[in-house]
């Protein structure tokens, strides 16, 4: 039986690493057969790349590990509900499952704003579980943005 909380804690560690680099603290891991096969953390600011989201980087690492772009039987754990780009990548990767921590009411594409992962018209649907370690994931984001706002004030 998969321990979603344990793998989400690994994603939270990646999120903390992103914050340490000055990026929005979002982390992701891809798991297959109870083993992490891909890790990612937000690197948009560091890499100056709009696609350097934690999920994309974790999916790329998992694809390299498996030697192909299809990731059947894999689960993506991410600290924040994926945006449309990342949800689309999860569908394209043929993931079995996505687990996220905090919901994103502004840009979430796993049910908050839109649900691309379970869209009936797509050729593949991804099972979704939300709210795993939700408080810890949300707190990390709130603290990051509160500190950022504090630096902007005189």
N, C-alpha and C. Protein backbone atom coordinates (compact mmCIF):
# COMPACT_ATOMS: atom_id res chain seq x y z
N UNK A 1 0.84 -1.20 0.00
CA UNK A 1 0.00 0.00 0.00
C UNK A 1 0.88 1.25 0.00
N UNK A 2 0.63 2.14 -0.89
CA UNK A 2 1.42 3.35 -1.03
C UNK A 2 1.13 4.31 0.12
N UNK A 3 2.18 4.87 0.67
CA UNK A 3 2.06 5.88 1.72
C UNK A 3 2.16 7.26 1.07
N UNK A 4 1.00 7.81 0.70
CA UNK A 4 0.98 9.11 0.01
C UNK A 4 1.67 10.19 0.82
N UNK A 5 1.50 10.18 2.13
CA UNK A 5 2.10 11.22 2.97
C UNK A 5 3.63 11.16 2.93
N UNK A 6 4.19 9.96 2.92
CA UNK A 6 5.66 9.83 2.87
C UNK A 6 6.21 10.40 1.58
N UNK A 7 5.56 10.10 0.46
CA UNK A 7 6.05 10.62 -0.81
C UNK A 7 5.80 12.12 -0.93
N UNK A 8 4.71 12.60 -0.33
CA UNK A 8 4.47 14.05 -0.34
C UNK A 8 5.53 14.76 0.49
N UNK A 9 6.00 14.14 1.54
CA UNK A 9 7.08 14.76 2.32
C UNK A 9 8.35 14.89 1.47
N UNK A 10 8.58 13.94 0.57
CA UNK A 10 9.72 14.07 -0.35
C UNK A 10 9.51 15.25 -1.29
N UNK A 11 8.28 15.43 -1.75
CA UNK A 11 7.97 16.59 -2.60
C UNK A 11 8.13 17.88 -1.81
N UNK A 12 7.74 17.87 -0.53
CA UNK A 12 7.92 19.05 0.32
C UNK A 12 9.40 19.39 0.50
N UNK A 13 10.26 18.40 0.59
CA UNK A 13 11.70 18.65 0.69
C UNK A 13 12.20 19.33 -0.58
N UNK A 14 11.71 18.89 -1.73
CA UNK A 14 12.09 19.54 -2.99
C UNK A 14 11.56 20.97 -3.02
N UNK A 15 10.36 21.20 -2.51
CA UNK A 15 9.80 22.55 -2.45
C UNK A 15 10.66 23.46 -1.59
N UNK A 16 11.14 22.94 -0.46
CA UNK A 16 12.01 23.73 0.41
C UNK A 16 13.30 24.09 -0.32
N UNK A 17 13.80 23.18 -1.13
CA UNK A 17 15.01 23.47 -1.92
C UNK A 17 14.74 24.58 -2.93
N UNK A 18 13.56 24.58 -3.53
CA UNK A 18 13.19 25.65 -4.47
C UNK A 18 13.16 26.99 -3.76
N UNK A 19 12.57 27.03 -2.57
CA UNK A 19 12.51 28.27 -1.80
C UNK A 19 13.91 28.76 -1.47
N UNK A 20 14.81 27.85 -1.12
CA UNK A 20 16.19 28.21 -0.80
C UNK A 20 16.90 28.84 -2.00
N UNK A 21 16.45 28.49 -3.20
CA UNK A 21 17.02 29.05 -4.42
C UNK A 21 16.31 30.35 -4.83
N UNK A 22 15.29 30.75 -4.07
CA UNK A 22 14.56 31.97 -4.36
C UNK A 22 13.39 31.78 -5.29
N UNK A 23 12.99 30.53 -5.52
CA UNK A 23 11.86 30.27 -6.40
C UNK A 23 10.64 29.88 -5.58
N UNK A 24 9.48 29.93 -6.19
CA UNK A 24 8.25 29.54 -5.52
C UNK A 24 8.40 28.09 -5.04
N UNK A 25 8.12 27.82 -3.76
CA UNK A 25 8.36 26.50 -3.19
C UNK A 25 7.34 25.45 -3.63
N UNK A 26 7.61 24.89 -4.77
CA UNK A 26 6.80 23.78 -5.28
C UNK A 26 7.77 22.66 -5.60
N UNK A 27 7.45 21.47 -5.12
CA UNK A 27 8.29 20.31 -5.37
C UNK A 27 7.45 19.16 -5.87
N UNK A 28 8.10 18.24 -6.58
CA UNK A 28 7.40 17.09 -7.16
C UNK A 28 8.32 15.88 -7.20
N UNK A 29 7.71 14.71 -7.06
CA UNK A 29 8.42 13.45 -7.26
C UNK A 29 7.53 12.51 -8.06
N UNK A 30 8.15 11.67 -8.89
CA UNK A 30 7.45 10.63 -9.62
C UNK A 30 7.85 9.30 -8.99
N UNK A 31 6.83 8.49 -8.71
CA UNK A 31 7.04 7.22 -8.02
C UNK A 31 6.54 6.07 -8.88
N UNK A 32 7.35 5.02 -8.94
CA UNK A 32 6.95 3.77 -9.60
C UNK A 32 7.36 2.62 -8.68
N UNK A 33 6.44 1.72 -8.43
CA UNK A 33 6.72 0.57 -7.57
C UNK A 33 7.34 0.97 -6.24
N UNK A 34 6.76 2.00 -5.61
CA UNK A 34 7.19 2.47 -4.29
C UNK A 34 8.59 3.07 -4.26
N UNK A 35 9.14 3.45 -5.44
CA UNK A 35 10.47 4.06 -5.53
C UNK A 35 10.37 5.39 -6.27
N UNK A 36 11.08 6.39 -5.78
CA UNK A 36 11.14 7.67 -6.48
C UNK A 36 12.06 7.51 -7.69
N UNK A 37 11.52 7.81 -8.88
CA UNK A 37 12.31 7.69 -10.11
C UNK A 37 12.53 9.04 -10.79
N UNK A 38 11.94 10.10 -10.23
CA UNK A 38 12.13 11.44 -10.78
C UNK A 38 11.82 12.48 -9.72
N UNK A 39 12.62 13.52 -9.68
CA UNK A 39 12.42 14.63 -8.74
C UNK A 39 12.48 15.94 -9.50
N UNK A 40 11.73 16.91 -8.99
CA UNK A 40 11.78 18.23 -9.58
C UNK A 40 11.42 19.29 -8.57
N UNK A 41 11.96 20.47 -8.77
CA UNK A 41 11.62 21.62 -7.94
C UNK A 41 11.53 22.81 -8.86
N UNK A 42 10.69 23.75 -8.49
CA UNK A 42 10.53 24.93 -9.32
C UNK A 42 11.88 25.60 -9.56
N UNK A 43 12.17 25.89 -10.83
CA UNK A 43 13.43 26.54 -11.20
C UNK A 43 13.18 27.65 -12.23
N UNK A 44 11.97 28.17 -12.26
CA UNK A 44 11.66 29.19 -13.28
C UNK A 44 12.56 30.41 -13.16
N UNK A 45 12.74 30.90 -11.94
CA UNK A 45 13.57 32.09 -11.74
C UNK A 45 15.04 31.78 -12.02
N UNK A 46 15.53 30.69 -11.46
CA UNK A 46 16.94 30.33 -11.61
C UNK A 46 17.30 30.06 -13.07
N UNK A 47 16.45 29.31 -13.78
CA UNK A 47 16.72 28.95 -15.17
C UNK A 47 16.19 29.98 -16.17
N UNK A 48 15.40 30.92 -15.69
CA UNK A 48 14.74 31.90 -16.56
C UNK A 48 13.95 31.19 -17.66
N UNK A 49 13.18 30.19 -17.22
CA UNK A 49 12.47 29.30 -18.13
C UNK A 49 11.02 29.14 -17.66
N UNK A 50 10.06 29.59 -18.45
CA UNK A 50 8.66 29.49 -18.02
C UNK A 50 8.16 28.05 -17.89
N UNK A 51 8.87 27.10 -18.46
CA UNK A 51 8.43 25.70 -18.36
C UNK A 51 9.15 24.94 -17.25
N UNK A 52 10.01 25.58 -16.50
CA UNK A 52 10.79 24.89 -15.46
C UNK A 52 9.98 24.73 -14.17
N UNK A 53 8.79 24.17 -14.31
CA UNK A 53 7.94 23.85 -13.16
C UNK A 53 8.42 22.53 -12.57
N UNK A 54 8.18 22.35 -11.28
CA UNK A 54 8.61 21.14 -10.58
C UNK A 54 8.09 19.87 -11.25
N UNK A 55 6.82 19.90 -11.66
CA UNK A 55 6.23 18.70 -12.27
C UNK A 55 6.91 18.34 -13.58
N UNK A 56 7.16 19.34 -14.41
CA UNK A 56 7.79 19.09 -15.70
C UNK A 56 9.18 18.49 -15.50
N UNK A 57 9.93 19.05 -14.57
CA UNK A 57 11.28 18.56 -14.32
C UNK A 57 11.26 17.14 -13.74
N UNK A 58 10.31 16.85 -12.88
CA UNK A 58 10.19 15.49 -12.32
C UNK A 58 9.78 14.49 -13.41
N UNK A 59 8.85 14.88 -14.28
CA UNK A 59 8.44 14.00 -15.38
C UNK A 59 9.60 13.74 -16.33
N UNK A 60 10.39 14.76 -16.63
CA UNK A 60 11.55 14.58 -17.50
C UNK A 60 12.55 13.61 -16.89
N UNK A 61 12.80 13.76 -15.58
CA UNK A 61 13.75 12.87 -14.90
C UNK A 61 13.23 11.44 -14.91
N UNK A 62 11.94 11.25 -14.68
CA UNK A 62 11.37 9.90 -14.69
C UNK A 62 11.44 9.30 -16.09
N UNK A 63 11.18 10.09 -17.11
CA UNK A 63 11.26 9.59 -18.48
C UNK A 63 12.69 9.17 -18.82
N UNK A 64 13.66 9.95 -18.39
CA UNK A 64 15.06 9.56 -18.60
C UNK A 64 15.35 8.24 -17.88
N UNK A 65 14.86 8.12 -16.66
CA UNK A 65 15.10 6.91 -15.88
C UNK A 65 14.51 5.67 -16.57
N UNK A 66 13.31 5.82 -17.12
CA UNK A 66 12.63 4.69 -17.76
C UNK A 66 13.02 4.51 -19.22
N UNK A 67 13.61 5.53 -19.81
CA UNK A 67 14.03 5.42 -21.20
C UNK A 67 12.91 5.62 -22.20
N UNK A 68 11.88 6.34 -21.83
CA UNK A 68 10.77 6.63 -22.74
C UNK A 68 9.83 7.64 -22.14
N UNK A 69 8.98 8.22 -22.98
CA UNK A 69 8.10 9.29 -22.52
C UNK A 69 6.84 8.79 -21.83
N UNK A 70 6.47 7.56 -22.03
CA UNK A 70 5.29 7.01 -21.36
C UNK A 70 5.67 6.58 -19.95
N UNK A 71 4.84 6.98 -18.98
CA UNK A 71 5.10 6.66 -17.57
C UNK A 71 3.92 5.89 -16.96
N UNK A 72 3.53 4.78 -17.57
CA UNK A 72 2.38 4.03 -17.04
C UNK A 72 2.72 3.44 -15.67
N UNK A 73 1.72 3.38 -14.83
CA UNK A 73 1.92 2.83 -13.50
C UNK A 73 2.62 3.78 -12.54
N UNK A 74 2.92 4.99 -12.99
CA UNK A 74 3.62 5.97 -12.16
C UNK A 74 2.64 6.94 -11.51
N UNK A 75 3.05 7.47 -10.37
CA UNK A 75 2.30 8.49 -9.66
C UNK A 75 3.17 9.72 -9.51
N UNK A 76 2.59 10.88 -9.80
CA UNK A 76 3.26 12.16 -9.61
C UNK A 76 2.71 12.79 -8.33
N UNK A 77 3.61 13.10 -7.41
CA UNK A 77 3.27 13.81 -6.17
C UNK A 77 3.77 15.23 -6.31
N UNK A 78 2.90 16.21 -6.05
CA UNK A 78 3.29 17.61 -6.18
C UNK A 78 2.63 18.41 -5.06
N UNK A 79 3.34 19.39 -4.54
CA UNK A 79 2.87 20.13 -3.38
C UNK A 79 1.72 21.10 -3.68
N UNK A 80 1.59 21.51 -4.93
CA UNK A 80 0.50 22.42 -5.33
C UNK A 80 -0.22 21.82 -6.53
N UNK A 81 -1.52 21.95 -6.55
CA UNK A 81 -2.31 21.47 -7.69
C UNK A 81 -1.70 21.98 -9.00
N UNK A 82 -1.51 21.11 -9.96
CA UNK A 82 -0.84 21.50 -11.21
C UNK A 82 -1.61 22.55 -12.01
N UNK A 83 -0.84 23.35 -12.74
CA UNK A 83 -1.38 24.32 -13.69
C UNK A 83 -1.78 23.56 -14.96
N UNK A 84 -2.41 24.23 -15.92
CA UNK A 84 -2.79 23.54 -17.16
C UNK A 84 -1.62 22.91 -17.91
N UNK A 85 -0.47 23.58 -17.95
CA UNK A 85 0.69 23.01 -18.66
C UNK A 85 1.10 21.69 -18.00
N UNK A 86 1.21 21.69 -16.70
CA UNK A 86 1.68 20.50 -15.99
C UNK A 86 0.63 19.39 -15.98
N UNK A 87 -0.64 19.75 -15.89
CA UNK A 87 -1.69 18.74 -15.97
C UNK A 87 -1.69 18.10 -17.35
N UNK A 88 -1.52 18.91 -18.39
CA UNK A 88 -1.44 18.38 -19.75
C UNK A 88 -0.26 17.45 -19.92
N UNK A 89 0.87 17.79 -19.32
CA UNK A 89 2.05 16.92 -19.39
C UNK A 89 1.79 15.60 -18.68
N UNK A 90 1.06 15.63 -17.57
CA UNK A 90 0.73 14.40 -16.85
C UNK A 90 -0.15 13.49 -17.70
N UNK A 91 -1.09 14.07 -18.41
CA UNK A 91 -1.94 13.29 -19.32
C UNK A 91 -1.09 12.72 -20.44
N UNK A 92 -0.24 13.55 -21.04
CA UNK A 92 0.61 13.10 -22.15
C UNK A 92 1.56 11.99 -21.72
N UNK A 93 2.02 12.03 -20.46
CA UNK A 93 2.94 11.01 -19.95
C UNK A 93 2.22 9.70 -19.62
N UNK A 94 0.89 9.72 -19.71
CA UNK A 94 0.09 8.52 -19.40
C UNK A 94 0.26 8.08 -17.95
N UNK A 95 0.39 9.06 -17.05
CA UNK A 95 0.48 8.73 -15.64
C UNK A 95 -0.75 7.98 -15.18
N UNK A 96 -0.57 7.12 -14.21
CA UNK A 96 -1.71 6.42 -13.61
C UNK A 96 -2.41 7.33 -12.62
N UNK A 97 -1.62 8.13 -11.91
CA UNK A 97 -2.18 8.86 -10.78
C UNK A 97 -1.41 10.14 -10.52
N UNK A 98 -2.13 11.14 -9.98
CA UNK A 98 -1.53 12.38 -9.53
C UNK A 98 -2.03 12.65 -8.12
N UNK A 99 -1.11 13.00 -7.22
CA UNK A 99 -1.45 13.33 -5.84
C UNK A 99 -0.91 14.73 -5.58
N UNK A 100 -1.77 15.64 -5.12
CA UNK A 100 -1.30 16.99 -4.82
C UNK A 100 -1.65 17.38 -3.39
N UNK A 101 -0.92 18.38 -2.91
CA UNK A 101 -1.13 18.88 -1.55
C UNK A 101 -2.17 19.97 -1.50
N UNK A 102 -1.77 21.20 -1.76
CA UNK A 102 -2.66 22.36 -1.68
C UNK A 102 -3.38 22.57 -3.01
N UNK A 103 -4.63 22.97 -2.93
CA UNK A 103 -5.40 23.34 -4.12
C UNK A 103 -4.94 24.71 -4.60
N UNK A 104 -5.15 24.97 -5.90
CA UNK A 104 -4.81 26.27 -6.47
C UNK A 104 -6.07 26.87 -7.09
N UNK A 105 -6.79 27.70 -6.33
CA UNK A 105 -8.05 28.26 -6.83
C UNK A 105 -7.88 29.25 -7.97
N UNK A 106 -6.65 29.67 -8.25
CA UNK A 106 -6.41 30.62 -9.34
C UNK A 106 -6.05 29.95 -10.65
N UNK A 107 -5.30 28.83 -10.60
CA UNK A 107 -4.82 28.22 -11.84
C UNK A 107 -4.83 26.70 -11.80
N UNK A 108 -5.49 26.10 -10.83
CA UNK A 108 -5.47 24.65 -10.70
C UNK A 108 -6.21 23.94 -11.82
N UNK A 109 -5.54 22.94 -12.40
CA UNK A 109 -6.13 22.20 -13.53
C UNK A 109 -6.42 20.75 -13.17
N UNK A 110 -6.59 20.49 -11.86
CA UNK A 110 -6.97 19.15 -11.40
C UNK A 110 -8.31 19.22 -10.67
N UNK A 111 -9.11 20.20 -11.04
CA UNK A 111 -10.44 20.31 -10.47
C UNK A 111 -10.80 21.67 -9.91
N UNK A 112 -9.83 22.49 -9.52
CA UNK A 112 -10.17 23.79 -8.93
C UNK A 112 -10.72 24.78 -9.94
N UNK A 113 -10.02 24.97 -11.05
CA UNK A 113 -10.47 25.88 -12.11
C UNK A 113 -11.00 25.07 -13.30
N UNK A 114 -10.18 24.12 -13.73
CA UNK A 114 -10.56 23.16 -14.78
C UNK A 114 -10.05 21.79 -14.34
N UNK A 115 -10.50 20.76 -15.02
CA UNK A 115 -10.03 19.41 -14.72
C UNK A 115 -9.54 18.75 -15.99
N UNK A 116 -8.29 19.02 -16.33
CA UNK A 116 -7.72 18.44 -17.54
C UNK A 116 -7.33 16.97 -17.35
N UNK A 117 -7.11 16.57 -16.12
CA UNK A 117 -6.63 15.21 -15.85
C UNK A 117 -7.71 14.15 -16.05
N UNK A 118 -8.95 14.55 -15.92
CA UNK A 118 -10.05 13.58 -16.06
C UNK A 118 -11.03 13.98 -17.16
N UNK A 119 -10.57 14.80 -18.09
CA UNK A 119 -11.44 15.26 -19.18
C UNK A 119 -11.83 14.09 -20.07
N UNK A 120 -13.09 13.92 -20.27
CA UNK A 120 -13.62 12.77 -21.02
C UNK A 120 -13.16 12.76 -22.48
N UNK A 121 -12.87 13.90 -23.05
CA UNK A 121 -12.50 13.95 -24.46
C UNK A 121 -11.04 13.62 -24.72
N UNK A 122 -10.23 13.56 -23.67
CA UNK A 122 -8.81 13.20 -23.84
C UNK A 122 -8.68 11.69 -23.92
N UNK A 123 -7.65 11.20 -24.60
CA UNK A 123 -7.49 9.75 -24.76
C UNK A 123 -7.02 9.04 -23.49
N UNK A 124 -6.59 9.79 -22.48
CA UNK A 124 -6.11 9.19 -21.24
C UNK A 124 -6.60 10.03 -20.06
N UNK A 125 -7.01 9.37 -19.01
CA UNK A 125 -7.42 10.06 -17.80
C UNK A 125 -6.51 9.62 -16.65
N UNK A 126 -6.25 10.55 -15.75
CA UNK A 126 -5.35 10.32 -14.62
C UNK A 126 -6.18 10.35 -13.34
N UNK A 127 -6.00 9.36 -12.49
CA UNK A 127 -6.66 9.35 -11.19
C UNK A 127 -6.06 10.47 -10.35
N UNK A 128 -6.89 11.21 -9.61
CA UNK A 128 -6.42 12.36 -8.84
C UNK A 128 -6.80 12.21 -7.38
N UNK A 129 -5.84 12.49 -6.51
CA UNK A 129 -6.08 12.60 -5.07
C UNK A 129 -5.52 13.93 -4.62
N UNK A 130 -6.34 14.77 -4.03
CA UNK A 130 -5.88 16.06 -3.55
C UNK A 130 -5.93 16.16 -2.04
N UNK A 131 -5.26 17.17 -1.51
CA UNK A 131 -5.31 17.46 -0.08
C UNK A 131 -4.36 16.65 0.79
N UNK A 132 -3.39 15.96 0.20
CA UNK A 132 -2.43 15.19 0.99
C UNK A 132 -1.38 16.14 1.56
N UNK A 133 -1.25 16.17 2.87
CA UNK A 133 -0.36 17.12 3.57
C UNK A 133 -0.71 18.56 3.18
N UNK A 134 -1.98 18.80 3.00
CA UNK A 134 -2.45 20.10 2.50
C UNK A 134 -1.98 21.26 3.36
N UNK A 135 -2.07 21.13 4.68
CA UNK A 135 -1.70 22.23 5.55
C UNK A 135 -0.22 22.57 5.41
N UNK A 136 0.65 21.56 5.41
CA UNK A 136 2.09 21.81 5.28
C UNK A 136 2.42 22.44 3.92
N UNK A 137 1.81 21.93 2.88
CA UNK A 137 2.06 22.47 1.53
C UNK A 137 1.60 23.92 1.42
N UNK A 138 0.40 24.19 1.91
CA UNK A 138 -0.13 25.55 1.86
C UNK A 138 0.66 26.51 2.73
N UNK A 139 1.09 26.04 3.91
CA UNK A 139 1.85 26.90 4.83
C UNK A 139 3.18 27.31 4.20
N UNK A 140 3.83 26.39 3.52
CA UNK A 140 5.11 26.72 2.89
C UNK A 140 4.93 27.83 1.85
N UNK A 141 3.87 27.72 1.06
CA UNK A 141 3.60 28.75 0.05
C UNK A 141 3.23 30.08 0.71
N UNK A 142 2.37 30.05 1.72
CA UNK A 142 1.97 31.29 2.40
C UNK A 142 3.18 31.98 3.02
N UNK A 143 4.05 31.23 3.68
CA UNK A 143 5.24 31.82 4.30
C UNK A 143 6.17 32.43 3.26
N UNK A 144 6.35 31.75 2.14
CA UNK A 144 7.21 32.26 1.08
C UNK A 144 6.69 33.60 0.57
N UNK A 145 5.39 33.65 0.27
CA UNK A 145 4.84 34.89 -0.30
C UNK A 145 4.76 36.00 0.74
N UNK A 146 4.53 35.67 2.01
CA UNK A 146 4.53 36.68 3.07
C UNK A 146 5.92 37.30 3.19
N UNK A 147 6.96 36.48 3.14
CA UNK A 147 8.33 36.98 3.20
C UNK A 147 8.65 37.83 1.97
N UNK A 148 8.17 37.41 0.82
CA UNK A 148 8.40 38.17 -0.41
C UNK A 148 7.73 39.54 -0.33
N UNK A 149 6.50 39.57 0.15
CA UNK A 149 5.80 40.84 0.30
C UNK A 149 6.51 41.74 1.32
N UNK A 150 7.05 41.15 2.37
CA UNK A 150 7.76 41.90 3.38
C UNK A 150 9.00 42.57 2.84
N UNK A 151 9.68 41.91 1.90
CA UNK A 151 10.89 42.49 1.30
C UNK A 151 10.55 43.66 0.39
N UNK A 152 9.33 43.66 -0.17
CA UNK A 152 8.94 44.72 -1.09
C UNK A 152 8.57 46.01 -0.37
N UNK A 153 8.37 45.93 0.94
CA UNK A 153 7.95 47.11 1.69
C UNK A 153 9.17 47.88 2.18
N UNK A 154 9.04 49.23 2.24
CA UNK A 154 10.17 50.03 2.73
C UNK A 154 10.39 49.84 4.21
